């Protein structure tokens, strides 16, 4: 899996970064299954979860998946990582204090948890929080 560079939308006070990974078929299947279960639960009682009585089709239309497709057609899986809570590891399983740049050509393994169901005025979805990130990258030849 390869993430794009995380971003906190230029908020220097924020410790939350967005990570987007290219999903493997297993991640795609897992997220699709979890989101499907949530959609079933919400569709059974939309008034409780969304504040309005909606048809199953209307519930589906309001749902925002964390599985996205970029403008270039590349699939991605969006998560959030909170520095201070996020554990980052090297390829040998040793803690990384400063991961440096998250290179898009590096490989990653990660642990996420479904942290919440967010509800907005026009949409709702699930938040997946990045808990552990293992970085498999070659040492930078330009670092001393």
Protein backbone atom coordinates (compact mmCIF):
# COMPACT_ATOMS: atom_id res chain seq x y z
CA UNK A 1 0.00 0.00 0.00
CA UNK A 2 1.29 3.40 -0.77
CA UNK A 3 -0.03 6.59 0.82
CA UNK A 4 -0.06 10.06 -0.57
CA UNK A 5 1.60 12.71 1.54
CA UNK A 6 -0.52 13.29 4.65
CA UNK A 7 -2.07 16.70 5.13
CA UNK A 8 -3.57 18.63 8.02
CA UNK A 9 -4.98 21.35 5.77
CA UNK A 10 -2.29 23.87 6.82
CA UNK A 11 -3.48 23.94 10.43
CA UNK A 12 -0.23 24.20 12.40
CA UNK A 13 -2.05 23.34 15.67
CA UNK A 14 -3.57 20.13 14.36
CA UNK A 15 -2.06 16.73 15.12
CA UNK A 16 -4.49 14.96 12.77
CA UNK A 17 -3.28 14.06 9.30
CA UNK A 18 -5.21 12.55 6.41
CA UNK A 19 -3.59 9.50 4.82
CA UNK A 20 -4.68 7.98 1.53
CA UNK A 21 -3.50 4.48 0.67
CA UNK A 22 -3.87 2.48 -2.50
CA UNK A 23 -6.08 -0.35 -1.24
CA UNK A 24 -5.31 -4.00 -1.78
CA UNK A 25 -8.25 -6.24 -2.74
CA UNK A 26 -8.38 -7.37 0.91
CA UNK A 27 -8.69 -3.81 2.22
CA UNK A 28 -11.31 -3.02 -0.42
CA UNK A 29 -13.31 -6.12 0.57
CA UNK A 30 -13.01 -5.40 4.32
CA UNK A 31 -14.04 -1.74 4.04
CA UNK A 32 -16.90 -2.58 1.68
CA UNK A 33 -18.16 -5.20 4.15
CA UNK A 34 -17.96 -2.85 7.17
CA UNK A 35 -19.61 0.01 5.31
CA UNK A 36 -22.34 -2.35 4.07
CA UNK A 37 -23.11 -3.46 7.63
CA UNK A 38 -23.33 0.16 8.78
CA UNK A 39 -25.63 1.05 5.89
CA UNK A 40 -27.96 -1.84 6.85
CA UNK A 41 -28.09 -0.69 10.47
CA UNK A 42 -28.71 2.96 9.59
CA UNK A 43 -31.32 2.08 6.93
CA UNK A 44 -33.35 0.17 9.56
CA UNK A 45 -33.63 3.25 11.78
CA UNK A 46 -32.59 6.40 9.88
CA UNK A 47 -34.54 8.71 12.22
CA UNK A 48 -32.26 7.72 15.13
CA UNK A 49 -29.01 7.99 13.20
CA UNK A 50 -29.71 10.75 10.67
CA UNK A 51 -32.57 12.67 12.28
CA UNK A 52 -35.06 12.03 9.49
CA UNK A 53 -37.20 9.21 8.17
CA UNK A 54 -35.54 8.21 4.90
CA UNK A 55 -35.95 5.38 2.40
CA UNK A 56 -33.08 2.89 2.03
CA UNK A 57 -32.25 4.56 -1.30
CA UNK A 58 -32.04 7.99 0.37
CA UNK A 59 -29.79 6.58 3.11
CA UNK A 60 -27.52 5.07 0.44
CA UNK A 61 -27.41 8.38 -1.45
CA UNK A 62 -26.26 10.27 1.67
CA UNK A 63 -23.47 7.79 2.49
CA UNK A 64 -19.86 8.83 1.80
CA UNK A 65 -17.42 5.93 1.52
CA UNK A 66 -13.76 6.10 2.55
CA UNK A 67 -12.99 4.19 -0.65
CA UNK A 68 -12.47 6.85 -3.29
CA UNK A 69 -11.29 7.21 -6.86
CA UNK A 70 -9.00 10.10 -7.71
CA UNK A 71 -9.53 12.39 -10.68
CA UNK A 72 -6.92 10.29 -12.47
CA UNK A 73 -8.85 7.10 -11.78
CA UNK A 74 -6.60 5.74 -9.02
CA UNK A 75 -8.37 3.98 -6.12
CA UNK A 76 -7.58 5.10 -2.58
CA UNK A 77 -8.57 4.41 1.00
CA UNK A 78 -8.79 7.49 3.22
CA UNK A 79 -7.84 7.32 6.91
CA UNK A 80 -6.83 9.77 9.62
CA UNK A 81 -3.72 9.49 11.77
CA UNK A 82 -3.24 11.37 15.03
CA UNK A 83 0.38 12.06 15.87
CA UNK A 84 0.90 11.25 19.52
CA UNK A 85 -1.45 8.27 19.16
CA UNK A 86 -0.14 6.83 15.89
CA UNK A 87 2.66 4.28 16.31
CA UNK A 88 5.10 4.21 13.41
CA UNK A 89 7.45 1.26 12.86
CA UNK A 90 10.31 0.47 10.50
CA UNK A 91 10.53 -2.68 8.37
CA UNK A 92 12.15 -4.58 11.28
CA UNK A 93 9.39 -3.65 13.73
CA UNK A 94 11.43 -1.01 15.55
CA UNK A 95 9.76 2.28 16.52
CA UNK A 96 10.43 5.21 14.19
CA UNK A 97 10.64 8.56 15.96
CA UNK A 98 10.85 10.59 12.75
CA UNK A 99 9.42 8.83 9.73
CA UNK A 100 10.66 11.58 7.41
CA UNK A 101 8.80 11.77 4.15
CA UNK A 102 6.07 9.24 3.41
CA UNK A 103 7.20 8.21 -0.06
CA UNK A 104 4.55 7.13 -2.53
CA UNK A 105 6.80 4.35 -3.84
CA UNK A 106 7.33 2.82 -0.39
CA UNK A 107 5.28 -0.07 0.91
CA UNK A 108 3.21 0.15 4.09
CA UNK A 109 1.29 -2.11 6.42
CA UNK A 110 -1.17 -0.61 8.84
CA UNK A 111 -3.72 -1.20 11.54
CA UNK A 112 -6.89 0.88 11.51
CA UNK A 113 -9.95 0.98 13.69
CA UNK A 114 -13.41 2.18 12.84
CA UNK A 115 -13.55 5.11 15.23
CA UNK A 116 -16.88 6.76 14.57
CA UNK A 117 -19.94 7.31 12.47
CA UNK A 118 -19.93 10.97 11.45
CA UNK A 119 -23.16 12.68 10.46
CA UNK A 120 -23.43 15.98 8.61
CA UNK A 121 -26.37 17.91 7.26
CA UNK A 122 -26.14 16.38 3.78
CA UNK A 123 -24.00 13.27 4.26
CA UNK A 124 -22.69 10.67 6.68
CA UNK A 125 -19.95 8.06 6.76
CA UNK A 126 -17.40 6.16 8.80
CA UNK A 127 -14.08 7.41 10.11
CA UNK A 128 -11.16 4.97 10.09
CA UNK A 129 -8.31 5.94 12.42
CA UNK A 130 -4.77 4.82 11.67
CA UNK A 131 -3.35 3.15 14.80
CA UNK A 132 -0.10 1.57 13.59
CA UNK A 133 1.91 2.21 10.43
CA UNK A 134 4.84 0.05 9.38
CA UNK A 135 7.07 1.66 6.77
CA UNK A 136 9.01 -0.49 4.29
CA UNK A 137 11.32 1.91 2.50
CA UNK A 138 14.94 1.98 1.48
CA UNK A 139 17.20 4.34 3.34
CA UNK A 140 17.41 7.66 1.55
CA UNK A 141 20.75 7.86 -0.28
CA UNK A 142 20.84 11.62 0.31
CA UNK A 143 20.57 11.42 4.11
CA UNK A 144 23.77 11.59 6.08
